[in-house]
N, C-alpha and C. Protein backbone atom coordinates (compact mmCIF):
# COMPACT_ATOMS: atom_id res chain seq x y z
N MET A 1 43.32 -65.80 -21.90
CA MET A 1 42.58 -64.56 -22.02
C MET A 1 43.24 -63.43 -21.22
N GLU A 2 43.85 -63.80 -20.12
CA GLU A 2 44.51 -62.78 -19.30
C GLU A 2 45.58 -62.06 -20.10
N ASN A 3 46.34 -62.81 -20.90
CA ASN A 3 47.42 -62.19 -21.69
C ASN A 3 46.86 -61.20 -22.70
N ILE A 4 45.71 -61.52 -23.31
CA ILE A 4 45.08 -60.59 -24.25
C ILE A 4 44.76 -59.28 -23.53
N LEU A 5 44.19 -59.40 -22.34
CA LEU A 5 43.85 -58.21 -21.55
C LEU A 5 45.10 -57.43 -21.19
N PHE A 6 46.11 -58.12 -20.71
CA PHE A 6 47.32 -57.41 -20.27
C PHE A 6 48.05 -56.76 -21.46
N ASP A 7 48.00 -57.40 -22.63
CA ASP A 7 48.58 -56.77 -23.82
C ASP A 7 47.84 -55.48 -24.15
N PHE A 8 46.53 -55.50 -24.04
CA PHE A 8 45.73 -54.30 -24.31
C PHE A 8 46.08 -53.20 -23.30
N ILE A 9 46.10 -53.54 -22.03
CA ILE A 9 46.39 -52.55 -20.98
C ILE A 9 47.78 -51.95 -21.17
N SER A 10 48.73 -52.77 -21.63
CA SER A 10 50.11 -52.30 -21.79
C SER A 10 50.24 -51.19 -22.82
N LYS A 11 49.22 -51.00 -23.66
CA LYS A 11 49.25 -49.89 -24.61
C LYS A 11 49.05 -48.55 -23.89
N TYR A 12 48.53 -48.61 -22.66
CA TYR A 12 48.22 -47.40 -21.91
C TYR A 12 49.08 -47.22 -20.66
N ILE A 13 49.28 -48.32 -19.93
CA ILE A 13 50.07 -48.26 -18.70
C ILE A 13 50.85 -49.57 -18.56
N SER A 14 51.92 -49.54 -17.76
CA SER A 14 52.64 -50.78 -17.48
C SER A 14 52.14 -51.33 -16.14
N LEU A 15 52.09 -52.65 -16.06
CA LEU A 15 51.57 -53.31 -14.87
C LEU A 15 52.67 -54.08 -14.16
N THR A 16 52.63 -54.01 -12.84
CA THR A 16 53.50 -54.86 -12.04
C THR A 16 52.82 -56.22 -11.89
N ASP A 17 53.55 -57.20 -11.39
CA ASP A 17 52.95 -58.50 -11.14
C ASP A 17 51.84 -58.40 -10.10
N ASP A 18 52.02 -57.54 -9.08
CA ASP A 18 50.98 -57.35 -8.06
C ASP A 18 49.69 -56.81 -8.69
N GLU A 19 49.83 -55.88 -9.61
CA GLU A 19 48.65 -55.31 -10.27
C GLU A 19 47.95 -56.35 -11.15
N LYS A 20 48.74 -57.14 -11.85
CA LYS A 20 48.15 -58.21 -12.66
C LYS A 20 47.41 -59.21 -11.78
N ASN A 21 48.02 -59.58 -10.66
CA ASN A 21 47.39 -60.53 -9.74
C ASN A 21 46.11 -59.95 -9.14
N ALA A 22 46.11 -58.65 -8.86
CA ALA A 22 44.91 -58.00 -8.31
C ALA A 22 43.77 -58.06 -9.32
N ILE A 23 44.07 -57.87 -10.59
CA ILE A 23 43.04 -57.95 -11.63
C ILE A 23 42.49 -59.37 -11.72
N VAL A 24 43.40 -60.33 -11.76
CA VAL A 24 42.98 -61.74 -11.88
C VAL A 24 42.14 -62.15 -10.67
N SER A 25 42.49 -61.66 -9.49
CA SER A 25 41.77 -62.04 -8.26
C SER A 25 40.33 -61.53 -8.23
N LEU A 26 40.01 -60.55 -9.06
CA LEU A 26 38.64 -60.02 -9.09
C LEU A 26 37.66 -60.96 -9.78
N ASN A 27 38.19 -61.97 -10.47
CA ASN A 27 37.33 -62.95 -11.15
C ASN A 27 36.34 -62.26 -12.10
N LEU A 28 36.88 -61.47 -13.02
CA LEU A 28 36.06 -60.67 -13.94
C LEU A 28 35.67 -61.41 -15.21
N PHE A 29 36.36 -62.48 -15.56
CA PHE A 29 36.16 -63.15 -16.85
C PHE A 29 34.87 -63.95 -16.87
N ARG A 30 34.08 -63.75 -17.94
CA ARG A 30 32.83 -64.49 -18.12
C ARG A 30 32.74 -64.99 -19.56
N THR A 31 32.36 -66.25 -19.71
CA THR A 31 32.10 -66.81 -21.03
C THR A 31 30.58 -66.85 -21.20
N VAL A 32 30.08 -66.25 -22.28
CA VAL A 32 28.64 -66.10 -22.47
C VAL A 32 28.27 -66.64 -23.86
N GLN A 33 27.18 -67.40 -23.91
CA GLN A 33 26.77 -68.02 -25.17
C GLN A 33 26.05 -67.04 -26.08
N LYS A 34 26.20 -67.28 -27.38
CA LYS A 34 25.49 -66.53 -28.41
C LYS A 34 24.00 -66.52 -28.06
N GLY A 35 23.38 -65.34 -28.22
CA GLY A 35 21.95 -65.22 -27.97
C GLY A 35 21.60 -64.83 -26.54
N THR A 36 22.57 -64.87 -25.64
CA THR A 36 22.31 -64.51 -24.24
C THR A 36 22.03 -63.01 -24.14
N THR A 37 20.99 -62.67 -23.40
CA THR A 37 20.67 -61.26 -23.14
C THR A 37 21.35 -60.86 -21.84
N LEU A 38 22.22 -59.88 -21.91
CA LEU A 38 22.95 -59.41 -20.74
C LEU A 38 22.15 -58.37 -19.95
N LEU A 39 21.31 -57.63 -20.66
CA LEU A 39 20.52 -56.58 -20.04
C LEU A 39 19.21 -56.44 -20.82
N LYS A 40 18.10 -56.34 -20.09
CA LYS A 40 16.79 -56.19 -20.72
C LYS A 40 16.21 -54.82 -20.42
N GLU A 41 15.38 -54.35 -21.33
CA GLU A 41 14.66 -53.11 -21.11
C GLU A 41 13.92 -53.21 -19.77
N GLY A 42 14.02 -52.15 -18.97
CA GLY A 42 13.34 -52.12 -17.67
C GLY A 42 14.20 -52.60 -16.51
N GLN A 43 15.31 -53.31 -16.81
CA GLN A 43 16.20 -53.78 -15.74
C GLN A 43 17.14 -52.69 -15.31
N LYS A 44 17.55 -52.77 -14.04
CA LYS A 44 18.64 -51.93 -13.56
C LYS A 44 19.90 -52.79 -13.56
N SER A 45 21.03 -52.16 -13.73
CA SER A 45 22.28 -52.90 -13.77
C SER A 45 23.42 -52.07 -13.21
N LYS A 46 24.40 -52.76 -12.67
CA LYS A 46 25.63 -52.11 -12.20
C LYS A 46 26.81 -52.53 -13.06
N ASN A 47 26.56 -53.42 -14.04
CA ASN A 47 27.65 -54.05 -14.79
C ASN A 47 28.14 -53.24 -15.99
N SER A 48 29.45 -53.22 -16.12
CA SER A 48 30.13 -52.71 -17.31
C SER A 48 30.80 -53.90 -17.97
N TYR A 49 30.99 -53.81 -19.29
CA TYR A 49 31.51 -54.94 -20.05
C TYR A 49 32.72 -54.50 -20.87
N PHE A 50 33.66 -55.43 -21.00
CA PHE A 50 34.80 -55.25 -21.89
C PHE A 50 34.91 -56.54 -22.69
N VAL A 51 34.82 -56.43 -24.01
CA VAL A 51 34.80 -57.61 -24.87
C VAL A 51 36.23 -58.07 -25.15
N LEU A 52 36.56 -59.26 -24.70
CA LEU A 52 37.86 -59.86 -25.02
C LEU A 52 37.77 -60.62 -26.33
N LYS A 53 36.64 -61.32 -26.52
CA LYS A 53 36.43 -62.09 -27.74
C LYS A 53 34.93 -62.17 -27.97
N GLY A 54 34.51 -61.93 -29.21
CA GLY A 54 33.09 -62.03 -29.53
C GLY A 54 32.48 -60.69 -29.91
N CYS A 55 31.16 -60.64 -29.84
CA CYS A 55 30.43 -59.45 -30.27
C CYS A 55 29.14 -59.33 -29.47
N ILE A 56 28.89 -58.13 -28.95
CA ILE A 56 27.62 -57.82 -28.29
C ILE A 56 26.99 -56.63 -29.00
N ARG A 57 25.68 -56.49 -28.83
CA ARG A 57 25.00 -55.37 -29.47
C ARG A 57 24.00 -54.74 -28.52
N ILE A 58 23.71 -53.48 -28.79
CA ILE A 58 22.64 -52.76 -28.10
C ILE A 58 21.50 -52.61 -29.10
N TYR A 59 20.29 -52.88 -28.63
CA TYR A 59 19.13 -52.65 -29.48
C TYR A 59 17.93 -52.23 -28.65
N TYR A 60 17.04 -51.50 -29.29
CA TYR A 60 15.78 -51.07 -28.71
C TYR A 60 14.67 -51.84 -29.41
N ILE A 61 13.53 -51.94 -28.77
CA ILE A 61 12.36 -52.48 -29.45
C ILE A 61 11.40 -51.32 -29.63
N VAL A 62 11.17 -50.97 -30.91
CA VAL A 62 10.30 -49.86 -31.27
C VAL A 62 9.17 -50.41 -32.13
N ASP A 63 7.95 -50.23 -31.66
CA ASP A 63 6.77 -50.76 -32.37
C ASP A 63 6.94 -52.24 -32.72
N GLY A 64 7.48 -53.00 -31.77
CA GLY A 64 7.65 -54.44 -31.95
C GLY A 64 8.82 -54.86 -32.82
N GLU A 65 9.63 -53.91 -33.25
CA GLU A 65 10.75 -54.20 -34.14
C GLU A 65 12.08 -53.84 -33.47
N GLU A 66 13.07 -54.72 -33.62
CA GLU A 66 14.40 -54.45 -33.05
C GLU A 66 15.12 -53.38 -33.87
N LYS A 67 15.67 -52.40 -33.17
CA LYS A 67 16.47 -51.33 -33.80
C LYS A 67 17.86 -51.36 -33.17
N THR A 68 18.82 -51.88 -33.91
CA THR A 68 20.19 -52.00 -33.42
C THR A 68 20.89 -50.64 -33.50
N THR A 69 21.52 -50.25 -32.39
CA THR A 69 22.21 -48.95 -32.38
C THR A 69 23.73 -49.07 -32.24
N ALA A 70 24.23 -50.24 -31.80
CA ALA A 70 25.68 -50.36 -31.63
C ALA A 70 26.10 -51.82 -31.56
N PHE A 71 27.34 -52.06 -32.01
CA PHE A 71 28.00 -53.35 -31.84
C PHE A 71 29.32 -53.09 -31.13
N TYR A 72 29.68 -54.00 -30.23
CA TYR A 72 30.94 -53.93 -29.51
C TYR A 72 31.67 -55.24 -29.74
N THR A 73 32.91 -55.14 -30.22
CA THR A 73 33.71 -56.34 -30.50
C THR A 73 35.02 -56.25 -29.72
N GLU A 74 35.97 -57.10 -30.05
CA GLU A 74 37.21 -57.23 -29.31
C GLU A 74 37.83 -55.89 -28.93
N MET A 75 38.21 -55.82 -27.68
CA MET A 75 38.91 -54.68 -27.08
C MET A 75 38.05 -53.41 -27.03
N GLU A 76 36.72 -53.59 -26.96
CA GLU A 76 35.83 -52.44 -26.82
C GLU A 76 35.06 -52.58 -25.51
N ALA A 77 34.84 -51.44 -24.88
CA ALA A 77 34.17 -51.40 -23.58
C ALA A 77 32.78 -50.80 -23.71
N LEU A 78 31.88 -51.29 -22.88
CA LEU A 78 30.52 -50.77 -22.82
C LEU A 78 30.11 -50.60 -21.37
N THR A 79 29.84 -49.38 -20.99
CA THR A 79 29.16 -49.11 -19.73
C THR A 79 27.79 -48.58 -20.13
N PRO A 80 26.75 -49.41 -19.98
CA PRO A 80 25.42 -48.94 -20.38
C PRO A 80 25.04 -47.66 -19.65
N PRO A 81 24.43 -46.70 -20.34
CA PRO A 81 24.05 -45.44 -19.69
C PRO A 81 23.22 -45.62 -18.42
N CYS A 82 22.42 -46.68 -18.36
CA CYS A 82 21.58 -46.91 -17.17
C CYS A 82 22.43 -47.18 -15.92
N VAL A 83 23.66 -47.65 -16.11
CA VAL A 83 24.55 -47.91 -14.98
C VAL A 83 24.93 -46.58 -14.34
N ILE A 84 25.22 -45.60 -15.16
CA ILE A 84 25.64 -44.29 -14.66
C ILE A 84 24.45 -43.53 -14.07
N SER A 85 23.31 -43.58 -14.78
CA SER A 85 22.12 -42.84 -14.32
C SER A 85 21.36 -43.56 -13.21
N LYS A 86 21.70 -44.84 -12.98
CA LYS A 86 21.02 -45.67 -11.96
C LYS A 86 19.51 -45.74 -12.21
N THR A 87 19.15 -45.81 -13.48
CA THR A 87 17.75 -45.91 -13.88
C THR A 87 17.55 -47.20 -14.66
N PRO A 88 16.32 -47.64 -14.83
CA PRO A 88 16.10 -48.84 -15.64
C PRO A 88 16.54 -48.63 -17.09
N ALA A 89 17.04 -49.69 -17.70
CA ALA A 89 17.50 -49.63 -19.09
C ALA A 89 16.31 -49.42 -20.02
N GLU A 90 16.57 -48.70 -21.11
CA GLU A 90 15.55 -48.47 -22.13
C GLU A 90 15.83 -49.33 -23.36
N TYR A 91 16.75 -50.26 -23.25
CA TYR A 91 17.25 -51.02 -24.39
C TYR A 91 17.68 -52.40 -23.91
N TYR A 92 18.18 -53.19 -24.84
CA TYR A 92 18.68 -54.53 -24.56
C TYR A 92 20.16 -54.59 -24.93
N VAL A 93 20.90 -55.44 -24.25
CA VAL A 93 22.28 -55.76 -24.60
C VAL A 93 22.34 -57.28 -24.71
N SER A 94 22.76 -57.78 -25.88
CA SER A 94 22.81 -59.23 -26.07
C SER A 94 24.06 -59.64 -26.84
N CYS A 95 24.36 -60.93 -26.77
CA CYS A 95 25.54 -61.50 -27.43
C CYS A 95 25.17 -61.96 -28.83
N VAL A 96 25.88 -61.44 -29.82
CA VAL A 96 25.69 -61.84 -31.22
C VAL A 96 26.44 -63.14 -31.49
N GLU A 97 27.52 -63.36 -30.74
CA GLU A 97 28.36 -64.55 -30.88
C GLU A 97 28.65 -65.09 -29.48
N ASP A 98 29.20 -66.29 -29.41
CA ASP A 98 29.78 -66.74 -28.14
C ASP A 98 30.84 -65.71 -27.78
N THR A 99 30.82 -65.24 -26.54
CA THR A 99 31.61 -64.08 -26.17
C THR A 99 32.34 -64.30 -24.85
N ILE A 100 33.54 -63.76 -24.77
CA ILE A 100 34.28 -63.73 -23.50
C ILE A 100 34.37 -62.27 -23.08
N LEU A 101 33.85 -62.00 -21.90
CA LEU A 101 33.76 -60.64 -21.40
C LEU A 101 34.51 -60.49 -20.08
N LEU A 102 34.92 -59.26 -19.82
CA LEU A 102 35.26 -58.86 -18.46
C LEU A 102 34.02 -58.14 -17.97
N VAL A 103 33.52 -58.54 -16.83
CA VAL A 103 32.34 -57.90 -16.27
C VAL A 103 32.75 -57.28 -14.94
N SER A 104 32.56 -55.98 -14.84
CA SER A 104 32.92 -55.28 -13.61
C SER A 104 31.76 -54.40 -13.18
N ASN A 105 31.90 -53.83 -11.99
CA ASN A 105 30.91 -52.86 -11.52
C ASN A 105 31.63 -51.71 -10.83
N ALA A 106 30.90 -50.69 -10.49
CA ALA A 106 31.50 -49.47 -9.93
C ALA A 106 32.27 -49.76 -8.64
N ASP A 107 31.75 -50.65 -7.79
CA ASP A 107 32.43 -50.96 -6.53
C ASP A 107 33.82 -51.56 -6.79
N MET A 108 33.89 -52.50 -7.75
CA MET A 108 35.19 -53.10 -8.10
C MET A 108 36.14 -52.04 -8.63
N GLU A 109 35.61 -51.16 -9.48
CA GLU A 109 36.45 -50.14 -10.09
C GLU A 109 37.00 -49.17 -9.04
N VAL A 110 36.17 -48.80 -8.06
CA VAL A 110 36.62 -47.92 -6.99
C VAL A 110 37.73 -48.59 -6.19
N GLU A 111 37.54 -49.88 -5.90
CA GLU A 111 38.54 -50.64 -5.13
C GLU A 111 39.88 -50.69 -5.87
N ILE A 112 39.84 -51.05 -7.15
CA ILE A 112 41.07 -51.14 -7.94
C ILE A 112 41.72 -49.76 -8.09
N ASN A 113 40.91 -48.74 -8.39
CA ASN A 113 41.46 -47.40 -8.58
C ASN A 113 42.08 -46.85 -7.31
N SER A 114 41.53 -47.20 -6.15
CA SER A 114 42.12 -46.71 -4.90
C SER A 114 43.44 -47.43 -4.61
N LYS A 115 43.52 -48.72 -4.94
CA LYS A 115 44.76 -49.47 -4.72
C LYS A 115 45.82 -49.11 -5.77
N PHE A 116 45.37 -48.90 -7.01
CA PHE A 116 46.29 -48.66 -8.12
C PHE A 116 45.79 -47.46 -8.93
N PRO A 117 46.17 -46.24 -8.53
CA PRO A 117 45.65 -45.02 -9.17
C PRO A 117 45.88 -44.93 -10.68
N LYS A 118 46.89 -45.61 -11.20
CA LYS A 118 47.12 -45.50 -12.64
C LYS A 118 46.00 -46.14 -13.46
N PHE A 119 45.21 -47.04 -12.85
CA PHE A 119 44.05 -47.60 -13.56
C PHE A 119 43.02 -46.51 -13.85
N GLU A 120 42.88 -45.59 -12.91
CA GLU A 120 41.93 -44.50 -13.11
C GLU A 120 42.38 -43.63 -14.30
N ILE A 121 43.66 -43.41 -14.42
CA ILE A 121 44.19 -42.64 -15.55
C ILE A 121 43.90 -43.37 -16.85
N MET A 122 44.14 -44.69 -16.88
CA MET A 122 43.87 -45.47 -18.08
C MET A 122 42.38 -45.42 -18.43
N CYS A 123 41.52 -45.56 -17.43
CA CYS A 123 40.06 -45.53 -17.68
C CYS A 123 39.63 -44.18 -18.23
N ARG A 124 40.23 -43.11 -17.73
CA ARG A 124 39.90 -41.78 -18.24
C ARG A 124 40.31 -41.66 -19.70
N ILE A 125 41.50 -42.12 -20.04
CA ILE A 125 41.97 -42.07 -21.43
C ILE A 125 41.05 -42.89 -22.33
N LEU A 126 40.70 -44.11 -21.89
CA LEU A 126 39.80 -44.96 -22.67
C LEU A 126 38.44 -44.30 -22.86
N SER A 127 37.92 -43.68 -21.81
CA SER A 127 36.63 -42.99 -21.90
C SER A 127 36.68 -41.84 -22.89
N GLU A 128 37.76 -41.09 -22.85
CA GLU A 128 37.90 -39.97 -23.79
C GLU A 128 37.97 -40.48 -25.23
N GLU A 129 38.74 -41.54 -25.46
CA GLU A 129 38.84 -42.12 -26.80
C GLU A 129 37.48 -42.62 -27.28
N LEU A 130 36.76 -43.31 -26.41
CA LEU A 130 35.44 -43.86 -26.77
C LEU A 130 34.46 -42.73 -27.08
N LEU A 131 34.45 -41.70 -26.26
CA LEU A 131 33.54 -40.58 -26.49
C LEU A 131 33.83 -39.90 -27.83
N ALA A 132 35.09 -39.66 -28.11
CA ALA A 132 35.47 -39.03 -29.39
C ALA A 132 35.04 -39.91 -30.57
N LYS A 133 35.29 -41.21 -30.48
CA LYS A 133 34.91 -42.14 -31.56
C LYS A 133 33.40 -42.15 -31.75
N GLN A 134 32.65 -42.21 -30.65
CA GLN A 134 31.19 -42.26 -30.76
C GLN A 134 30.63 -40.97 -31.37
N LYS A 135 31.21 -39.84 -31.03
CA LYS A 135 30.74 -38.57 -31.61
C LYS A 135 30.98 -38.53 -33.12
N ILE A 136 32.17 -38.94 -33.52
CA ILE A 136 32.49 -38.97 -34.95
C ILE A 136 31.55 -39.92 -35.68
N ASP A 137 31.35 -41.12 -35.12
CA ASP A 137 30.44 -42.09 -35.74
C ASP A 137 29.01 -41.53 -35.84
N PHE A 138 28.55 -40.87 -34.79
CA PHE A 138 27.20 -40.30 -34.78
C PHE A 138 27.06 -39.22 -35.84
N TYR A 139 28.02 -38.32 -35.92
CA TYR A 139 27.95 -37.25 -36.91
C TYR A 139 27.98 -37.80 -38.33
N GLU A 140 28.87 -38.78 -38.57
CA GLU A 140 28.93 -39.41 -39.89
C GLU A 140 27.61 -40.07 -40.25
N PHE A 141 27.02 -40.75 -39.28
CA PHE A 141 25.75 -41.42 -39.51
C PHE A 141 24.65 -40.42 -39.87
N LYS A 142 24.61 -39.31 -39.16
CA LYS A 142 23.56 -38.30 -39.37
C LYS A 142 23.62 -37.67 -40.76
N ILE A 143 24.82 -37.51 -41.30
CA ILE A 143 24.93 -36.78 -42.57
C ILE A 143 25.08 -37.68 -43.79
N SER A 144 25.11 -39.00 -43.58
CA SER A 144 25.38 -39.89 -44.70
C SER A 144 24.13 -40.64 -45.16
N SER A 145 24.17 -41.03 -46.42
CA SER A 145 23.10 -41.85 -47.00
C SER A 145 23.30 -43.30 -46.55
N PRO A 146 22.29 -44.16 -46.72
CA PRO A 146 22.49 -45.57 -46.38
C PRO A 146 23.69 -46.19 -47.11
N GLU A 147 23.87 -45.82 -48.38
CA GLU A 147 25.01 -46.36 -49.12
C GLU A 147 26.33 -45.90 -48.52
N GLN A 148 26.41 -44.62 -48.14
CA GLN A 148 27.63 -44.12 -47.51
C GLN A 148 27.87 -44.80 -46.16
N ARG A 149 26.78 -45.04 -45.41
CA ARG A 149 26.91 -45.73 -44.12
C ARG A 149 27.50 -47.13 -44.32
N TYR A 150 26.99 -47.82 -45.33
CA TYR A 150 27.48 -49.18 -45.60
C TYR A 150 28.95 -49.13 -46.03
N LEU A 151 29.30 -48.19 -46.90
CA LEU A 151 30.70 -48.07 -47.34
C LEU A 151 31.61 -47.71 -46.17
N ASN A 152 31.14 -46.85 -45.26
CA ASN A 152 31.91 -46.52 -44.06
C ASN A 152 32.12 -47.76 -43.20
N LEU A 153 31.07 -48.58 -43.08
CA LEU A 153 31.16 -49.81 -42.31
C LEU A 153 32.17 -50.77 -42.95
N LEU A 154 32.13 -50.88 -44.26
CA LEU A 154 33.10 -51.73 -44.96
C LEU A 154 34.53 -51.26 -44.71
N GLN A 155 34.71 -49.96 -44.64
CA GLN A 155 36.05 -49.40 -44.45
C GLN A 155 36.51 -49.53 -42.99
N LYS A 156 35.63 -49.18 -42.04
CA LYS A 156 36.04 -49.10 -40.65
C LYS A 156 35.85 -50.39 -39.85
N ARG A 157 34.82 -51.18 -40.20
CA ARG A 157 34.52 -52.39 -39.42
C ARG A 157 34.11 -53.54 -40.33
N PRO A 158 34.98 -53.91 -41.27
CA PRO A 158 34.60 -54.94 -42.24
C PRO A 158 34.26 -56.29 -41.59
N ASP A 159 34.81 -56.55 -40.42
CA ASP A 159 34.53 -57.81 -39.73
C ASP A 159 33.05 -57.99 -39.42
N LEU A 160 32.35 -56.88 -39.18
CA LEU A 160 30.92 -56.97 -38.84
C LEU A 160 30.10 -57.55 -39.98
N ILE A 161 30.51 -57.32 -41.21
CA ILE A 161 29.78 -57.81 -42.38
C ILE A 161 29.65 -59.34 -42.32
N GLN A 162 30.71 -60.00 -41.87
CA GLN A 162 30.72 -61.47 -41.79
C GLN A 162 30.16 -62.00 -40.48
N ARG A 163 30.21 -61.20 -39.43
CA ARG A 163 29.89 -61.69 -38.09
C ARG A 163 28.44 -61.47 -37.66
N VAL A 164 27.80 -60.49 -38.25
CA VAL A 164 26.49 -60.06 -37.77
C VAL A 164 25.40 -60.48 -38.76
N PRO A 165 24.27 -61.03 -38.28
CA PRO A 165 23.18 -61.36 -39.20
C PRO A 165 22.72 -60.14 -40.00
N GLN A 166 22.33 -60.38 -41.24
CA GLN A 166 21.98 -59.29 -42.16
C GLN A 166 20.88 -58.39 -41.59
N HIS A 167 19.86 -58.97 -40.95
CA HIS A 167 18.77 -58.13 -40.44
C HIS A 167 19.25 -57.18 -39.34
N GLN A 168 20.23 -57.62 -38.52
CA GLN A 168 20.79 -56.73 -37.49
C GLN A 168 21.66 -55.65 -38.13
N LEU A 169 22.41 -56.02 -39.14
CA LEU A 169 23.25 -55.07 -39.85
C LEU A 169 22.39 -54.00 -40.53
N ALA A 170 21.32 -54.44 -41.18
CA ALA A 170 20.41 -53.51 -41.84
C ALA A 170 19.81 -52.54 -40.82
N SER A 171 19.37 -53.07 -39.70
CA SER A 171 18.80 -52.23 -38.64
C SER A 171 19.81 -51.19 -38.17
N TYR A 172 21.06 -51.61 -37.98
CA TYR A 172 22.14 -50.72 -37.56
C TYR A 172 22.35 -49.59 -38.58
N LEU A 173 22.21 -49.92 -39.86
CA LEU A 173 22.39 -48.93 -40.93
C LEU A 173 21.14 -48.07 -41.14
N GLY A 174 20.04 -48.45 -40.48
CA GLY A 174 18.81 -47.67 -40.59
C GLY A 174 17.99 -48.01 -41.83
N ILE A 175 18.13 -49.24 -42.34
CA ILE A 175 17.40 -49.65 -43.54
C ILE A 175 16.79 -51.04 -43.32
N GLN A 176 15.95 -51.45 -44.25
CA GLN A 176 15.34 -52.78 -44.21
C GLN A 176 16.33 -53.80 -44.81
N PRO A 177 16.22 -55.08 -44.40
CA PRO A 177 17.14 -56.10 -44.96
C PRO A 177 17.10 -56.18 -46.49
N GLN A 178 15.91 -56.01 -47.09
CA GLN A 178 15.82 -56.06 -48.55
C GLN A 178 16.61 -54.91 -49.18
N SER A 179 16.55 -53.75 -48.54
CA SER A 179 17.29 -52.59 -49.04
C SER A 179 18.79 -52.84 -48.94
N LEU A 180 19.22 -53.53 -47.89
CA LEU A 180 20.64 -53.85 -47.75
C LEU A 180 21.08 -54.78 -48.86
N SER A 181 20.25 -55.77 -49.20
CA SER A 181 20.59 -56.69 -50.30
C SER A 181 20.73 -55.92 -51.61
N ARG A 182 19.80 -55.01 -51.88
CA ARG A 182 19.87 -54.21 -53.12
C ARG A 182 21.10 -53.31 -53.11
N LEU A 183 21.38 -52.73 -51.97
CA LEU A 183 22.54 -51.84 -51.83
C LEU A 183 23.84 -52.60 -52.10
N ARG A 184 23.96 -53.79 -51.53
CA ARG A 184 25.15 -54.61 -51.76
C ARG A 184 25.29 -54.95 -53.25
N ALA A 185 24.19 -55.32 -53.87
CA ALA A 185 24.22 -55.66 -55.31
C ALA A 185 24.64 -54.45 -56.14
N ARG A 186 24.12 -53.27 -55.79
CA ARG A 186 24.45 -52.05 -56.52
C ARG A 186 25.94 -51.72 -56.38
N ILE A 187 26.49 -51.89 -55.18
CA ILE A 187 27.91 -51.60 -54.94
C ILE A 187 28.78 -52.60 -55.72
N LEU A 188 28.41 -53.87 -55.71
CA LEU A 188 29.15 -54.88 -56.48
C LEU A 188 29.12 -54.58 -57.97
N GLU A 189 27.95 -54.12 -58.44
CA GLU A 189 27.80 -53.79 -59.85
C GLU A 189 28.71 -52.62 -60.24
N LYS A 190 28.83 -51.62 -59.36
CA LYS A 190 29.68 -50.47 -59.63
C LYS A 190 31.15 -50.87 -59.71
N LYS A 191 31.54 -51.88 -58.91
CA LYS A 191 32.94 -52.34 -58.89
C LYS A 191 33.29 -53.13 -60.15
N SER A 192 32.27 -53.71 -60.79
CA SER A 192 32.52 -54.55 -61.97
C SER A 192 32.86 -53.73 -63.19
């Protein structure tokens, strides 16, 4: 798993052996089982996550129903907003699959950034990329129909179709599972 992480980091910065050893010494790697809840509504947390393998999701419970708002898969980072605001979470974060994560907190990040300033540069670049991607995804979601949302998902994140239960996928698209089944059938019919 370390090599996967170092390959990812090498796209942004080069690491010395000392820097690699410093990362490994932090003991950040966690293996988490499918169905595990990493964060619950009302909890406070200091943890940020980076998915090495697997899938996690954010969801809210509204009127007793789960509303999925995001999925994070390989090489994606999540710092829950409650970590930054230091307030209780208003949502849940859970594992959709067996997952291998890097779990860090602000204290670890300050320590690493002070020892190795180039990590701070990499984190800034990653944050900017993530913010830009999330804004584009949000705007596309706001102006598109459920069918367009599904087609966008097929184009941009086809792996989710196979990895995520249909009811979670439907919730993410803002529709009911039955509507997703009809939508899929309609799209298949158009292709025929």
